[in-house]
């Protein structure tokens, strides 16, 4: 391989490295967004569970205090 072919090969490798680095940056941003979405969903699920517990407790208290007439 002569010097000119080496320069061409190095230039191609630099271009590929630049492209790979850009893609890695995009993937990093995507993973960050996905992590934020996951945390938001987890928080929402925890809130729904808390709300369901509150409704259940309220229903139990209501039935204890005002038993159904039957």
PDB file of N, CA and C in Angstrom:
ATOM      1  N   UNK A   1       0.858  -1.168   0.000  1.00  0.00           N
ATOM      2  CA  UNK A   1       0.000   0.000   0.000  1.00  0.00           C
ATOM      3  C   UNK A   1       0.905   1.232   0.000  1.00  0.00           C
ATOM      4  N   UNK A   2       0.709   2.066  -0.988  1.00  0.00           N
ATOM      5  CA  UNK A   2       1.556   3.262  -1.057  1.00  0.00           C
ATOM      6  C   UNK A   2       0.982   4.378  -0.177  1.00  0.00           C
ATOM      7  N   UNK A   3       1.679   5.457  -0.108  1.00  0.00           N
ATOM      8  CA  UNK A   3       1.320   6.557   0.803  1.00  0.00           C
ATOM      9  C   UNK A   3      -0.037   7.159   0.471  1.00  0.00           C
ATOM     10  N   UNK A   4      -0.346   7.299  -0.810  1.00  0.00           N
ATOM     11  CA  UNK A   4      -1.630   7.883  -1.209  1.00  0.00           C
ATOM     12  C   UNK A   4      -2.790   6.992  -0.766  1.00  0.00           C
ATOM     13  N   UNK A   5      -2.649   5.681  -0.901  1.00  0.00           N
ATOM     14  CA  UNK A   5      -3.705   4.763  -0.465  1.00  0.00           C
ATOM     15  C   UNK A   5      -3.887   4.822   1.050  1.00  0.00           C
ATOM     16  N   UNK A   6      -2.786   5.000   1.776  1.00  0.00           N
ATOM     17  CA  UNK A   6      -2.867   5.115   3.226  1.00  0.00           C
ATOM     18  C   UNK A   6      -3.628   6.379   3.634  1.00  0.00           C
ATOM     19  N   UNK A   7      -3.347   7.483   2.933  1.00  0.00           N
ATOM     20  CA  UNK A   7      -4.038   8.740   3.227  1.00  0.00           C
ATOM     21  C   UNK A   7      -5.524   8.587   2.953  1.00  0.00           C
ATOM     22  N   UNK A   8      -5.872   7.943   1.860  1.00  0.00           N
ATOM     23  CA  UNK A   8      -7.287   7.719   1.517  1.00  0.00           C
ATOM     24  C   UNK A   8      -7.946   6.843   2.579  1.00  0.00           C
ATOM     25  N   UNK A   9      -7.276   5.784   3.007  1.00  0.00           N
ATOM     26  CA  UNK A   9      -7.826   4.891   4.032  1.00  0.00           C
ATOM     27  C   UNK A   9      -8.019   5.631   5.354  1.00  0.00           C
ATOM     28  N   UNK A  10      -7.053   6.454   5.728  1.00  0.00           N
ATOM     29  CA  UNK A  10      -7.158   7.217   6.975  1.00  0.00           C
ATOM     30  C   UNK A  10      -8.315   8.212   6.883  1.00  0.00           C
ATOM     31  N   UNK A  11      -8.480   8.853   5.742  1.00  0.00           N
ATOM     32  CA  UNK A  11      -9.575   9.807   5.550  1.00  0.00           C
ATOM     33  C   UNK A  11     -10.921   9.102   5.679  1.00  0.00           C
ATOM     34  N   UNK A  12     -11.041   7.913   5.087  1.00  0.00           N
ATOM     35  CA  UNK A  12     -12.290   7.144   5.190  1.00  0.00           C
ATOM     36  C   UNK A  12     -12.558   6.754   6.641  1.00  0.00           C
ATOM     37  N   UNK A  13     -11.519   6.341   7.340  1.00  0.00           N
ATOM     38  CA  UNK A  13     -11.687   5.959   8.743  1.00  0.00           C
ATOM     39  C   UNK A  13     -12.105   7.156   9.601  1.00  0.00           C
ATOM     40  N   UNK A  14     -11.525   8.318   9.321  1.00  0.00           N
ATOM     41  CA  UNK A  14     -11.907   9.517  10.062  1.00  0.00           C
ATOM     42  C   UNK A  14     -13.367   9.871   9.801  1.00  0.00           C
ATOM     43  N   UNK A  15     -13.798   9.733   8.558  1.00  0.00           N
ATOM     44  CA  UNK A  15     -15.195  10.017   8.211  1.00  0.00           C
ATOM     45  C   UNK A  15     -16.125   9.044   8.931  1.00  0.00           C
ATOM     46  N   UNK A  16     -15.772   7.771   8.931  1.00  0.00           N
ATOM     47  CA  UNK A  16     -16.587   6.764   9.611  1.00  0.00           C
ATOM     48  C   UNK A  16     -16.619   7.020  11.111  1.00  0.00           C
ATOM     49  N   UNK A  17     -15.488   7.418  11.682  1.00  0.00           N
ATOM     50  CA  UNK A  17     -15.426   7.706  13.105  1.00  0.00           C
ATOM     51  C   UNK A  17     -16.299   8.908  13.455  1.00  0.00           C
ATOM     52  N   UNK A  18     -16.273   9.920  12.625  1.00  0.00           N
ATOM     53  CA  UNK A  18     -17.119  11.098  12.844  1.00  0.00           C
ATOM     54  C   UNK A  18     -18.588  10.707  12.792  1.00  0.00           C
ATOM     55  N   UNK A  19     -18.962   9.906  11.801  1.00  0.00           N
ATOM     56  CA  UNK A  19     -20.341   9.445  11.654  1.00  0.00           C
ATOM     57  C   UNK A  19     -20.758   8.606  12.866  1.00  0.00           C
ATOM     58  N   UNK A  20     -19.878   7.720  13.303  1.00  0.00           N
ATOM     59  CA  UNK A  20     -20.174   6.871  14.461  1.00  0.00           C
ATOM     60  C   UNK A  20     -20.322   7.703  15.720  1.00  0.00           C
ATOM     61  N   UNK A  21     -19.500   8.705  15.878  1.00  0.00           N
ATOM     62  CA  UNK A  21     -19.588   9.585  17.039  1.00  0.00           C
ATOM     63  C   UNK A  21     -20.901  10.351  17.043  1.00  0.00           C
ATOM     64  N   UNK A  22     -21.344  10.814  15.892  1.00  0.00           N
ATOM     65  CA  UNK A  22     -22.628  11.513  15.795  1.00  0.00           C
ATOM     66  C   UNK A  22     -23.779  10.585  16.166  1.00  0.00           C
ATOM     67  N   UNK A  23     -23.738   9.364  15.648  1.00  0.00           N
ATOM     68  CA  UNK A  23     -24.789   8.392  15.958  1.00  0.00           C
ATOM     69  C   UNK A  23     -24.813   8.073  17.447  1.00  0.00           C
ATOM     70  N   UNK A  24     -23.648   7.963  18.060  1.00  0.00           N
ATOM     71  CA  UNK A  24     -23.567   7.698  19.490  1.00  0.00           C
ATOM     72  C   UNK A  24     -24.196   8.843  20.281  1.00  0.00           C
ATOM     73  N   UNK A  25     -23.979  10.073  19.846  1.00  0.00           N
ATOM     74  CA  UNK A  25     -24.605  11.223  20.490  1.00  0.00           C
ATOM     75  C   UNK A  25     -26.116  11.174  20.378  1.00  0.00           C
ATOM     76  N   UNK A  26     -26.615  10.794  19.209  1.00  0.00           N
ATOM     77  CA  UNK A  26     -28.060  10.673  19.015  1.00  0.00           C
ATOM     78  C   UNK A  26     -28.639   9.586  19.919  1.00  0.00           C
ATOM     79  N   UNK A  27     -27.942   8.454  20.000  1.00  0.00           N
ATOM     80  CA  UNK A  27     -28.407   7.362  20.848  1.00  0.00           C
ATOM     81  C   UNK A  27     -28.394   7.760  22.320  1.00  0.00           C
ATOM     82  N   UNK A  28     -27.392   8.505  22.714  1.00  0.00           N
ATOM     83  CA  UNK A  28     -27.322   8.969  24.101  1.00  0.00           C
ATOM     84  C   UNK A  28     -28.521   9.848  24.422  1.00  0.00           C
ATOM     85  N   UNK A  29     -28.875  10.735  23.512  1.00  0.00           N
ATOM     86  CA  UNK A  29     -30.047  11.594  23.714  1.00  0.00           C
ATOM     87  C   UNK A  29     -31.325  10.764  23.784  1.00  0.00           C
ATOM     88  N   UNK A  30     -31.421   9.757  22.916  1.00  0.00           N
ATOM     89  CA  UNK A  30     -32.614   8.905  22.905  1.00  0.00           C
ATOM     90  C   UNK A  30     -32.742   8.132  24.209  1.00  0.00           C
ATOM     91  N   UNK A  31     -31.642   7.615  24.698  1.00  0.00           N
ATOM     92  CA  UNK A  31     -31.672   6.862  25.953  1.00  0.00           C
ATOM     93  C   UNK A  31     -32.047   7.782  27.111  1.00  0.00           C
ATOM     94  N   UNK A  32     -31.544   8.997  27.094  1.00  0.00           N
ATOM     95  CA  UNK A  32     -31.887   9.960  28.140  1.00  0.00           C
ATOM     96  C   UNK A  32     -33.388  10.250  28.125  1.00  0.00           C
ATOM     97  N   UNK A  33     -33.949  10.471  26.950  1.00  0.00           N
ATOM     98  CA  UNK A  33     -35.387  10.729  26.827  1.00  0.00           C
ATOM     99  C   UNK A  33     -36.197   9.517  27.276  1.00  0.00           C
ATOM    100  N   UNK A  34     -35.738   8.326  26.907  1.00  0.00           N
ATOM    101  CA  UNK A  34     -36.434   7.097  27.299  1.00  0.00           C
ATOM    102  C   UNK A  34     -36.404   6.921  28.813  1.00  0.00           C
ATOM    103  N   UNK A  35     -35.285   7.227  29.428  1.00  0.00           N
ATOM    104  CA  UNK A  35     -35.173   7.131  30.883  1.00  0.00           C
ATOM    105  C   UNK A  35     -36.124   8.105  31.567  1.00  0.00           C
ATOM    106  N   UNK A  36     -36.206   9.322  31.062  1.00  0.00           N
ATOM    107  CA  UNK A  36     -37.133  10.303  31.631  1.00  0.00           C
ATOM    108  C   UNK A  36     -38.575   9.840  31.486  1.00  0.00           C
ATOM    109  N   UNK A  37     -38.916   9.280  30.325  1.00  0.00           N
ATOM    110  CA  UNK A  37     -40.281   8.785  30.103  1.00  0.00           C
ATOM    111  C   UNK A  37     -40.590   7.633  31.062  1.00  0.00           C
ATOM    112  N   UNK A  38     -39.617   6.760  31.280  1.00  0.00           N
ATOM    113  CA  UNK A  38     -39.802   5.628  32.188  1.00  0.00           C
ATOM    114  C   UNK A  38     -40.063   6.128  33.607  1.00  0.00           C
ATOM    115  N   UNK A  39     -39.287   7.115  34.053  1.00  0.00           N
ATOM    116  CA  UNK A  39     -39.469   7.661  35.399  1.00  0.00           C
ATOM    117  C   UNK A  39     -40.836   8.327  35.538  1.00  0.00           C
ATOM    118  N   UNK A  40     -41.268   9.028  34.506  1.00  0.00           N
ATOM    119  CA  UNK A  40     -42.581   9.669  34.533  1.00  0.00           C
ATOM    120  C   UNK A  40     -43.683   8.620  34.626  1.00  0.00           C
ATOM    121  N   UNK A  41     -43.565   7.571  33.837  1.00  0.00           N
ATOM    122  CA  UNK A  41     -44.569   6.501  33.854  1.00  0.00           C
ATOM    123  C   UNK A  41     -44.595   5.814  35.213  1.00  0.00           C
ATOM    124  N   UNK A  42     -43.436   5.594  35.793  1.00  0.00           N
ATOM    125  CA  UNK A  42     -43.372   4.968  37.110  1.00  0.00           C
ATOM    126  C   UNK A  42     -44.051   5.848  38.155  1.00  0.00           C
ATOM    127  N   UNK A  43     -43.804   7.147  38.084  1.00  0.00           N
ATOM    128  CA  UNK A  43     -44.460   8.069  39.011  1.00  0.00           C
ATOM    129  C   UNK A  43     -45.967   8.062  38.847  1.00  0.00           C
ATOM    130  N   UNK A  44     -46.428   8.015  37.599  1.00  0.00           N
ATOM    131  CA  UNK A  44     -47.862   7.986  37.337  1.00  0.00           C
ATOM    132  C   UNK A  44     -48.486   6.705  37.879  1.00  0.00           C
ATOM    133  N   UNK A  45     -47.821   5.597  37.684  1.00  0.00           N
ATOM    134  CA  UNK A  45     -48.331   4.315  38.187  1.00  0.00           C
ATOM    135  C   UNK A  45     -48.395   4.339  39.713  1.00  0.00           C
ATOM    136  N   UNK A  46     -47.374   4.878  40.347  1.00  0.00           N
ATOM    137  CA  UNK A  46     -47.389   4.970  41.809  1.00  0.00           C
ATOM    138  C   UNK A  46     -48.542   5.851  42.292  1.00  0.00           C
ATOM    139  N   UNK A  47     -48.816   6.934  41.590  1.00  0.00           N
ATOM    140  CA  UNK A  47     -49.931   7.801  41.959  1.00  0.00           C
ATOM    141  C   UNK A  47     -51.257   7.065  41.809  1.00  0.00           C
ATOM    142  N   UNK A  48     -51.432   6.316  40.729  1.00  0.00           N
ATOM    143  CA  UNK A  48     -52.682   5.578  40.512  1.00  0.00           C
ATOM    144  C   UNK A  48     -52.857   4.524  41.603  1.00  0.00           C
ATOM    145  N   UNK A  49     -51.774   3.863  41.990  1.00  0.00           N
ATOM    146  CA  UNK A  49     -51.862   2.883  43.073  1.00  0.00           C
ATOM    147  C   UNK A  49     -52.271   3.568  44.383  1.00  0.00           C
ATOM    148  N   UNK A  50     -51.676   4.714  44.661  1.00  0.00           N
ATOM    149  CA  UNK A  50     -52.006   5.450  45.871  1.00  0.00           C
ATOM    150  C   UNK A  50     -53.480   5.859  45.851  1.00  0.00           C
ATOM    151  N   UNK A  51     -53.932   6.351  44.699  1.00  0.00           N
ATOM    152  CA  UNK A  51     -55.323   6.777  44.561  1.00  0.00           C
ATOM    153  C   UNK A  51     -56.267   5.586  44.735  1.00  0.00           C
ATOM    154  N   UNK A  52     -55.920   4.431  44.198  1.00  0.00           N
ATOM    155  CA  UNK A  52     -56.757   3.239  44.355  1.00  0.00           C
ATOM    156  C   UNK A  52     -56.835   2.830  45.824  1.00  0.00           C
ATOM    157  N   UNK A  53     -55.715   2.933  46.522  1.00  0.00           N
ATOM    158  CA  UNK A  53     -55.727   2.624  47.959  1.00  0.00           C
ATOM    159  C   UNK A  53     -56.612   3.578  48.737  1.00  0.00           C
ATOM    160  N   UNK A  54     -56.552   4.853  48.368  1.00  0.00           N
ATOM    161  CA  UNK A  54     -57.385   5.857  49.026  1.00  0.00           C
ATOM    162  C   UNK A  54     -58.870   5.583  48.783  1.00  0.00           C
ATOM    163  N   UNK A  55     -59.222   5.264  47.561  1.00  0.00           N
ATOM    164  CA  UNK A  55     -60.626   4.966  47.231  1.00  0.00           C
ATOM    165  C   UNK A  55     -61.085   3.712  47.970  1.00  0.00           C
ATOM    166  N   UNK A  56     -60.227   2.706  48.031  1.00  0.00           N
ATOM    167  CA  UNK A  56     -60.577   1.475  48.745  1.00  0.00           C
ATOM    168  C   UNK A  56     -60.793   1.756  50.225  1.00  0.00           C
ATOM    169  N   UNK A  57     -59.881   2.525  50.816  1.00  0.00           N
ATOM    170  CA  UNK A  57     -60.028   2.872  52.230  1.00  0.00           C
ATOM    171  C   UNK A  57     -61.304   3.672  52.459  1.00  0.00           C
ATOM    172  N   UNK A  58     -61.592   4.608  51.570  1.00  0.00           N
ATOM    173  CA  UNK A  58     -62.818   5.392  51.689  1.00  0.00           C
ATOM    174  C   UNK A  58     -64.059   4.525  51.588  1.00  0.00           C
ATOM    175  N   UNK A  59     -64.038   3.564  50.688  1.00  0.00           N
ATOM    176  CA  UNK A  59     -65.179   2.663  50.518  1.00  0.00           C
ATOM    177  C   UNK A  59     -65.380   1.807  51.764  1.00  0.00           C
ATOM    178  N   UNK A  60     -64.295   1.307  52.314  1.00  0.00           N
ATOM    179  CA  UNK A  60     -64.387   0.493  53.531  1.00  0.00           C
ATOM    180  C   UNK A  60     -64.938   1.327  54.682  1.00  0.00           C
ATOM    181  N   UNK A  61     -64.417   2.526  54.863  1.00  0.00           N
ATOM    182  CA  UNK A  61     -64.911   3.393  55.934  1.00  0.00           C
ATOM    183  C   UNK A  61     -66.388   3.728  55.744  1.00  0.00           C
ATOM    184  N   UNK A  62     -66.770   3.996  54.524  1.00  0.00           N
ATOM    185  CA  UNK A  62     -68.171   4.321  54.233  1.00  0.00           C
ATOM    186  C   UNK A  62     -69.076   3.140  54.607  1.00  0.00           C
ATOM    187  N   UNK A  63     -68.654   1.946  54.247  1.00  0.00           N
ATOM    188  CA  UNK A  63     -69.463   0.759  54.539  1.00  0.00           C
ATOM    189  C   UNK A  63     -69.466   0.406  56.019  1.00  0.00           C
ATOM    190  N   UNK A  64     -68.428   0.781  56.747  1.00  0.00           N
ATOM    191  CA  UNK A  64     -68.396   0.518  58.179  1.00  0.00           C
ATOM    192  C   UNK A  64     -69.280   1.522  58.914  1.00  0.00           C
ATOM    193  N   UNK A  65     -69.183   2.788  58.509  1.00  0.00           N
ATOM    194  CA  UNK A  65     -69.932   3.834  59.182  1.00  0.00           C
ATOM    195  C   UNK A  65     -71.415   3.770  58.800  1.00  0.00           C
ATOM    196  N   UNK A  66     -71.703   3.590  57.549  1.00  0.00           N
ATOM    197  CA  UNK A  66     -73.091   3.529  57.066  1.00  0.00           C
ATOM    198  C   UNK A  66     -73.343   2.167  56.429  1.00  0.00           C
ATOM    199  N   UNK A  67     -73.526   1.145  57.239  1.00  0.00           N
ATOM    200  CA  UNK A  67     -73.757  -0.181  56.641  1.00  0.00           C
ATOM    201  C   UNK A  67     -75.033  -0.188  55.798  1.00  0.00           C
ATOM    202  N   UNK A  68     -74.974  -0.945  54.752  1.00  0.00           N
ATOM    203  CA  UNK A  68     -76.135  -0.987  53.840  1.00  0.00           C
ATOM    204  C   UNK A  68     -77.305  -1.655  54.560  1.00  0.00           C
ATOM    205  N   UNK A  69     -78.461  -1.125  54.295  1.00  0.00           N
ATOM    206  CA  UNK A  69     -79.675  -1.660  54.936  1.00  0.00           C
ATOM    207  C   UNK A  69     -80.220  -2.770  54.045  1.00  0.00           C
ATOM    208  N   UNK A  70     -80.307  -3.933  54.599  1.00  0.00           N
ATOM    209  CA  UNK A  70     -80.745  -5.009  53.758  1.00  0.00           C
ATOM    210  C   UNK A  70     -81.518  -6.067  54.416  1.00  0.00           C
TER     211      UNK A  70
END
